[in-house]
Amino acid sequence: MAYVATYAGQEPARAQVDASAGTVVIEFGAPWCPHCIGAQASLEAVLAAHADVRHLKIEDGPGRPLGRSFRVKLWPTLIVLRDGEERARAVRPTTREEIERALALAE
């Protein structure tokens, strides 16, 4: 699956995320967040080279259970899962290299 440009209308349940097979990048953020907007070009470029990685773009905020279950505090936060297990995270990544390093830990 390629890069997802828009935030999901509804977040999946934590149990559904935990049951995911393969590598999944969950991006927590908000469409108005300048840090999130700034990270999009790097994230899109990295994911373009990883067609086997699933990308979930989740709008986060107060009272959002999925973000709270991962203890997300800053945006964007990328959580890299392999078969439902957290392998890495990148908080406010500013370079492609930061995202690549996180993905490499899931292999």
N, C-alpha and C. Protein backbone atom coordinates (compact mmCIF):
# COMPACT_ATOMS: atom_id res chain seq x y z
N MET A 1 0.84 -1.18 0.00
CA MET A 1 0.00 0.00 0.00
C MET A 1 0.88 1.23 0.00
N ALA A 2 0.50 2.18 -0.76
CA ALA A 2 1.27 3.42 -0.88
C ALA A 2 0.90 4.41 0.22
N TYR A 3 1.58 5.50 0.17
CA TYR A 3 1.34 6.63 1.07
C TYR A 3 -0.13 7.04 1.03
N VAL A 4 -0.69 7.32 2.18
CA VAL A 4 -2.07 7.80 2.29
C VAL A 4 -2.01 9.30 2.61
N ALA A 5 -2.64 10.11 1.77
CA ALA A 5 -2.54 11.56 1.91
C ALA A 5 -3.55 12.17 2.88
N THR A 6 -4.68 11.52 3.10
CA THR A 6 -5.72 12.10 3.94
C THR A 6 -5.91 11.27 5.21
N TYR A 7 -6.32 11.94 6.25
CA TYR A 7 -6.55 11.28 7.53
C TYR A 7 -7.81 10.43 7.46
N ALA A 8 -7.77 9.29 8.11
CA ALA A 8 -8.91 8.38 8.13
C ALA A 8 -10.08 9.04 8.84
N GLY A 9 -11.27 8.77 8.33
CA GLY A 9 -12.47 9.33 8.94
C GLY A 9 -12.77 8.71 10.29
N GLN A 10 -12.34 7.46 10.47
CA GLN A 10 -12.57 6.75 11.73
C GLN A 10 -11.32 5.92 12.03
N GLU A 11 -10.86 5.99 13.26
CA GLU A 11 -9.67 5.22 13.62
C GLU A 11 -10.04 3.76 13.89
N PRO A 12 -9.13 2.84 13.57
CA PRO A 12 -9.40 1.43 13.88
C PRO A 12 -9.28 1.18 15.38
N ALA A 13 -9.85 0.09 15.83
CA ALA A 13 -9.72 -0.31 17.23
C ALA A 13 -8.30 -0.82 17.47
N ARG A 14 -7.81 -0.68 18.69
CA ARG A 14 -6.47 -1.14 19.02
C ARG A 14 -6.32 -2.63 18.73
N ALA A 15 -7.33 -3.43 19.02
CA ALA A 15 -7.26 -4.87 18.77
C ALA A 15 -7.06 -5.16 17.28
N GLN A 16 -7.68 -4.38 16.43
CA GLN A 16 -7.53 -4.54 14.98
C GLN A 16 -6.09 -4.21 14.57
N VAL A 17 -5.53 -3.16 15.13
CA VAL A 17 -4.15 -2.77 14.83
C VAL A 17 -3.19 -3.85 15.32
N ASP A 18 -3.42 -4.35 16.52
CA ASP A 18 -2.55 -5.38 17.10
C ASP A 18 -2.58 -6.67 16.29
N ALA A 19 -3.66 -6.92 15.57
CA ALA A 19 -3.80 -8.13 14.77
C ALA A 19 -3.26 -7.97 13.34
N SER A 20 -2.72 -6.81 13.02
CA SER A 20 -2.22 -6.54 11.67
C SER A 20 -1.03 -7.42 11.33
N ALA A 21 -1.04 -7.94 10.12
CA ALA A 21 0.09 -8.74 9.64
C ALA A 21 1.02 -7.86 8.83
N GLY A 22 2.31 -8.18 8.86
CA GLY A 22 3.29 -7.43 8.10
C GLY A 22 3.67 -6.13 8.77
N THR A 23 4.25 -5.24 7.97
CA THR A 23 4.72 -3.96 8.48
C THR A 23 3.66 -2.89 8.27
N VAL A 24 3.38 -2.16 9.33
CA VAL A 24 2.38 -1.08 9.30
C VAL A 24 3.01 0.16 9.91
N VAL A 25 2.85 1.29 9.24
CA VAL A 25 3.26 2.58 9.80
C VAL A 25 1.98 3.33 10.15
N ILE A 26 1.83 3.62 11.44
CA ILE A 26 0.70 4.44 11.88
C ILE A 26 1.22 5.85 12.08
N GLU A 27 0.63 6.77 11.36
CA GLU A 27 1.00 8.18 11.48
C GLU A 27 -0.09 8.88 12.28
N PHE A 28 0.27 9.40 13.45
CA PHE A 28 -0.65 10.17 14.27
C PHE A 28 -0.35 11.65 14.07
N GLY A 29 -1.38 12.43 13.81
CA GLY A 29 -1.18 13.87 13.63
C GLY A 29 -2.51 14.58 13.44
N ALA A 30 -2.44 15.75 12.83
CA ALA A 30 -3.64 16.54 12.55
C ALA A 30 -3.39 17.32 11.26
N PRO A 31 -4.45 17.52 10.47
CA PRO A 31 -4.27 18.18 9.18
C PRO A 31 -3.81 19.64 9.27
N TRP A 32 -4.01 20.28 10.41
CA TRP A 32 -3.63 21.67 10.59
C TRP A 32 -2.25 21.82 11.25
N CYS A 33 -1.64 20.74 11.69
CA CYS A 33 -0.38 20.76 12.43
C CYS A 33 0.80 21.07 11.49
N PRO A 34 1.55 22.14 11.74
CA PRO A 34 2.65 22.50 10.84
C PRO A 34 3.76 21.44 10.81
N HIS A 35 4.01 20.75 11.93
CA HIS A 35 5.03 19.70 11.94
C HIS A 35 4.58 18.52 11.07
N CYS A 36 3.28 18.22 11.13
CA CYS A 36 2.73 17.13 10.32
C CYS A 36 2.81 17.46 8.84
N ILE A 37 2.43 18.67 8.50
CA ILE A 37 2.49 19.11 7.10
C ILE A 37 3.92 19.06 6.59
N GLY A 38 4.86 19.49 7.42
CA GLY A 38 6.27 19.50 7.03
C GLY A 38 6.87 18.12 6.82
N ALA A 39 6.32 17.11 7.46
CA ALA A 39 6.86 15.75 7.35
C ALA A 39 6.31 14.98 6.15
N GLN A 40 5.29 15.50 5.49
CA GLN A 40 4.60 14.73 4.46
C GLN A 40 5.46 14.38 3.26
N ALA A 41 6.27 15.28 2.77
CA ALA A 41 7.10 14.99 1.59
C ALA A 41 8.08 13.86 1.88
N SER A 42 8.71 13.89 3.04
CA SER A 42 9.66 12.83 3.41
C SER A 42 8.94 11.50 3.59
N LEU A 43 7.82 11.53 4.25
CA LEU A 43 7.06 10.30 4.48
C LEU A 43 6.59 9.70 3.16
N GLU A 44 6.08 10.53 2.27
CA GLU A 44 5.62 10.05 0.97
C GLU A 44 6.77 9.44 0.18
N ALA A 45 7.93 10.08 0.19
CA ALA A 45 9.08 9.57 -0.55
C ALA A 45 9.56 8.23 -0.01
N VAL A 46 9.61 8.11 1.29
CA VAL A 46 10.07 6.86 1.90
C VAL A 46 9.09 5.73 1.62
N LEU A 47 7.81 5.99 1.80
CA LEU A 47 6.82 4.94 1.59
C LEU A 47 6.70 4.53 0.13
N ALA A 48 7.05 5.42 -0.79
CA ALA A 48 7.03 5.07 -2.21
C ALA A 48 8.00 3.94 -2.52
N ALA A 49 9.06 3.84 -1.73
CA ALA A 49 10.07 2.78 -1.93
C ALA A 49 9.73 1.52 -1.14
N HIS A 50 8.63 1.52 -0.41
CA HIS A 50 8.24 0.38 0.43
C HIS A 50 6.78 0.01 0.16
N ALA A 51 6.53 -0.54 -1.01
CA ALA A 51 5.16 -0.85 -1.41
C ALA A 51 4.50 -1.90 -0.52
N ASP A 52 5.28 -2.67 0.20
CA ASP A 52 4.74 -3.72 1.06
C ASP A 52 4.32 -3.20 2.44
N VAL A 53 4.58 -1.93 2.72
CA VAL A 53 4.26 -1.34 4.02
C VAL A 53 2.88 -0.69 3.95
N ARG A 54 2.06 -1.01 4.93
CA ARG A 54 0.73 -0.41 5.03
C ARG A 54 0.84 0.88 5.84
N HIS A 55 0.19 1.94 5.37
CA HIS A 55 0.23 3.25 6.02
C HIS A 55 -1.16 3.60 6.53
N LEU A 56 -1.26 3.84 7.83
CA LEU A 56 -2.50 4.31 8.43
C LEU A 56 -2.28 5.74 8.90
N LYS A 57 -3.07 6.65 8.40
CA LYS A 57 -2.95 8.07 8.77
C LYS A 57 -4.12 8.39 9.68
N ILE A 58 -3.84 8.60 10.96
CA ILE A 58 -4.87 8.75 11.98
C ILE A 58 -4.83 10.15 12.57
N GLU A 59 -5.97 10.84 12.47
CA GLU A 59 -6.06 12.16 13.12
C GLU A 59 -6.16 11.93 14.62
N ASP A 60 -5.28 12.58 15.36
CA ASP A 60 -5.19 12.40 16.80
C ASP A 60 -5.69 13.64 17.51
N GLY A 61 -5.99 13.49 18.77
CA GLY A 61 -6.42 14.61 19.59
C GLY A 61 -6.93 14.10 20.93
N PRO A 62 -7.32 15.02 21.79
CA PRO A 62 -7.84 14.63 23.10
C PRO A 62 -9.02 13.67 22.96
N GLY A 63 -9.00 12.63 23.78
CA GLY A 63 -10.10 11.68 23.78
C GLY A 63 -10.05 10.64 22.68
N ARG A 64 -9.02 10.66 21.86
CA ARG A 64 -8.90 9.67 20.79
C ARG A 64 -8.20 8.44 21.37
N PRO A 65 -8.89 7.30 21.46
CA PRO A 65 -8.34 6.15 22.17
C PRO A 65 -7.11 5.51 21.54
N LEU A 66 -7.02 5.48 20.22
CA LEU A 66 -5.87 4.79 19.63
C LEU A 66 -4.57 5.53 19.95
N GLY A 67 -4.56 6.83 19.78
CA GLY A 67 -3.37 7.62 20.12
C GLY A 67 -3.00 7.51 21.58
N ARG A 68 -4.02 7.51 22.45
CA ARG A 68 -3.73 7.38 23.88
C ARG A 68 -3.16 6.00 24.20
N SER A 69 -3.63 4.97 23.51
CA SER A 69 -3.13 3.62 23.79
C SER A 69 -1.66 3.47 23.42
N PHE A 70 -1.19 4.30 22.47
CA PHE A 70 0.23 4.30 22.10
C PHE A 70 1.01 5.40 22.82
N ARG A 71 0.36 6.11 23.71
CA ARG A 71 0.97 7.20 24.49
C ARG A 71 1.58 8.29 23.60
N VAL A 72 0.85 8.65 22.55
CA VAL A 72 1.30 9.70 21.64
C VAL A 72 1.15 11.04 22.34
N LYS A 73 2.21 11.85 22.30
CA LYS A 73 2.19 13.16 22.95
C LYS A 73 2.49 14.30 21.98
N LEU A 74 3.27 14.03 20.94
CA LEU A 74 3.63 15.05 19.96
C LEU A 74 3.28 14.55 18.56
N TRP A 75 3.02 15.51 17.68
CA TRP A 75 2.69 15.17 16.30
C TRP A 75 3.75 15.69 15.36
N PRO A 76 3.98 15.05 14.27
CA PRO A 76 3.50 13.71 14.00
C PRO A 76 4.32 12.68 14.78
N THR A 77 3.67 11.60 15.12
CA THR A 77 4.36 10.44 15.68
C THR A 77 4.09 9.28 14.75
N LEU A 78 5.17 8.65 14.30
CA LEU A 78 5.06 7.47 13.44
C LEU A 78 5.37 6.25 14.30
N ILE A 79 4.45 5.30 14.34
CA ILE A 79 4.65 4.04 15.04
C ILE A 79 4.83 2.98 13.97
N VAL A 80 5.93 2.25 14.03
CA VAL A 80 6.19 1.18 13.06
C VAL A 80 5.93 -0.14 13.76
N LEU A 81 4.98 -0.89 13.21
CA LEU A 81 4.60 -2.19 13.76
C LEU A 81 5.04 -3.30 12.81
N ARG A 82 5.39 -4.42 13.36
CA ARG A 82 5.63 -5.63 12.57
C ARG A 82 4.78 -6.72 13.20
N ASP A 83 3.81 -7.22 12.45
CA ASP A 83 2.87 -8.24 12.94
C ASP A 83 2.23 -7.81 14.26
N GLY A 84 1.84 -6.53 14.33
CA GLY A 84 1.12 -6.02 15.48
C GLY A 84 1.97 -5.59 16.66
N GLU A 85 3.28 -5.77 16.56
CA GLU A 85 4.18 -5.42 17.67
C GLU A 85 4.97 -4.16 17.31
N GLU A 86 5.00 -3.20 18.24
CA GLU A 86 5.76 -1.98 17.98
C GLU A 86 7.24 -2.29 17.92
N ARG A 87 7.86 -1.88 16.81
CA ARG A 87 9.30 -2.08 16.60
C ARG A 87 10.07 -0.78 16.68
N ALA A 88 9.42 0.33 16.33
CA ALA A 88 10.12 1.62 16.33
C ALA A 88 9.08 2.73 16.32
N ARG A 89 9.57 3.92 16.65
CA ARG A 89 8.74 5.11 16.52
C ARG A 89 9.63 6.28 16.17
N ALA A 90 9.07 7.21 15.43
CA ALA A 90 9.76 8.45 15.08
C ALA A 90 8.83 9.59 15.48
N VAL A 91 9.31 10.45 16.35
CA VAL A 91 8.51 11.57 16.84
C VAL A 91 9.02 12.84 16.16
N ARG A 92 8.11 13.50 15.48
CA ARG A 92 8.42 14.71 14.72
C ARG A 92 9.63 14.53 13.80
N PRO A 93 9.58 13.52 12.93
CA PRO A 93 10.71 13.32 12.01
C PRO A 93 10.83 14.50 11.05
N THR A 94 12.06 14.91 10.80
CA THR A 94 12.30 16.04 9.89
C THR A 94 13.05 15.62 8.64
N THR A 95 13.55 14.38 8.61
CA THR A 95 14.30 13.92 7.45
C THR A 95 13.83 12.54 7.01
N ARG A 96 14.11 12.22 5.77
CA ARG A 96 13.81 10.88 5.25
C ARG A 96 14.58 9.82 6.01
N GLU A 97 15.79 10.16 6.41
CA GLU A 97 16.65 9.21 7.09
C GLU A 97 16.04 8.74 8.41
N GLU A 98 15.41 9.63 9.14
CA GLU A 98 14.76 9.25 10.41
C GLU A 98 13.65 8.23 10.16
N ILE A 99 12.90 8.45 9.12
CA ILE A 99 11.81 7.53 8.79
C ILE A 99 12.37 6.19 8.31
N GLU A 100 13.39 6.24 7.48
CA GLU A 100 14.04 5.01 6.99
C GLU A 100 14.60 4.19 8.14
N ARG A 101 15.24 4.85 9.11
CA ARG A 101 15.79 4.13 10.27
C ARG A 101 14.69 3.41 11.04
N ALA A 102 13.57 4.07 11.22
CA ALA A 102 12.45 3.46 11.94
C ALA A 102 11.93 2.24 11.17
N LEU A 103 11.77 2.39 9.85
CA LEU A 103 11.31 1.26 9.05
C LEU A 103 12.29 0.10 9.06
N ALA A 104 13.57 0.40 9.06
CA ALA A 104 14.59 -0.65 9.06
C ALA A 104 14.50 -1.51 10.32
N LEU A 105 14.07 -0.94 11.41
CA LEU A 105 13.95 -1.69 12.67
C LEU A 105 12.81 -2.70 12.64
N ALA A 106 11.91 -2.57 11.69
CA ALA A 106 10.77 -3.49 11.58
C ALA A 106 11.10 -4.71 10.73
N GLU A 107 12.22 -4.68 10.06
CA GLU A 107 12.57 -5.81 9.17
C GLU A 107 13.19 -6.95 9.90
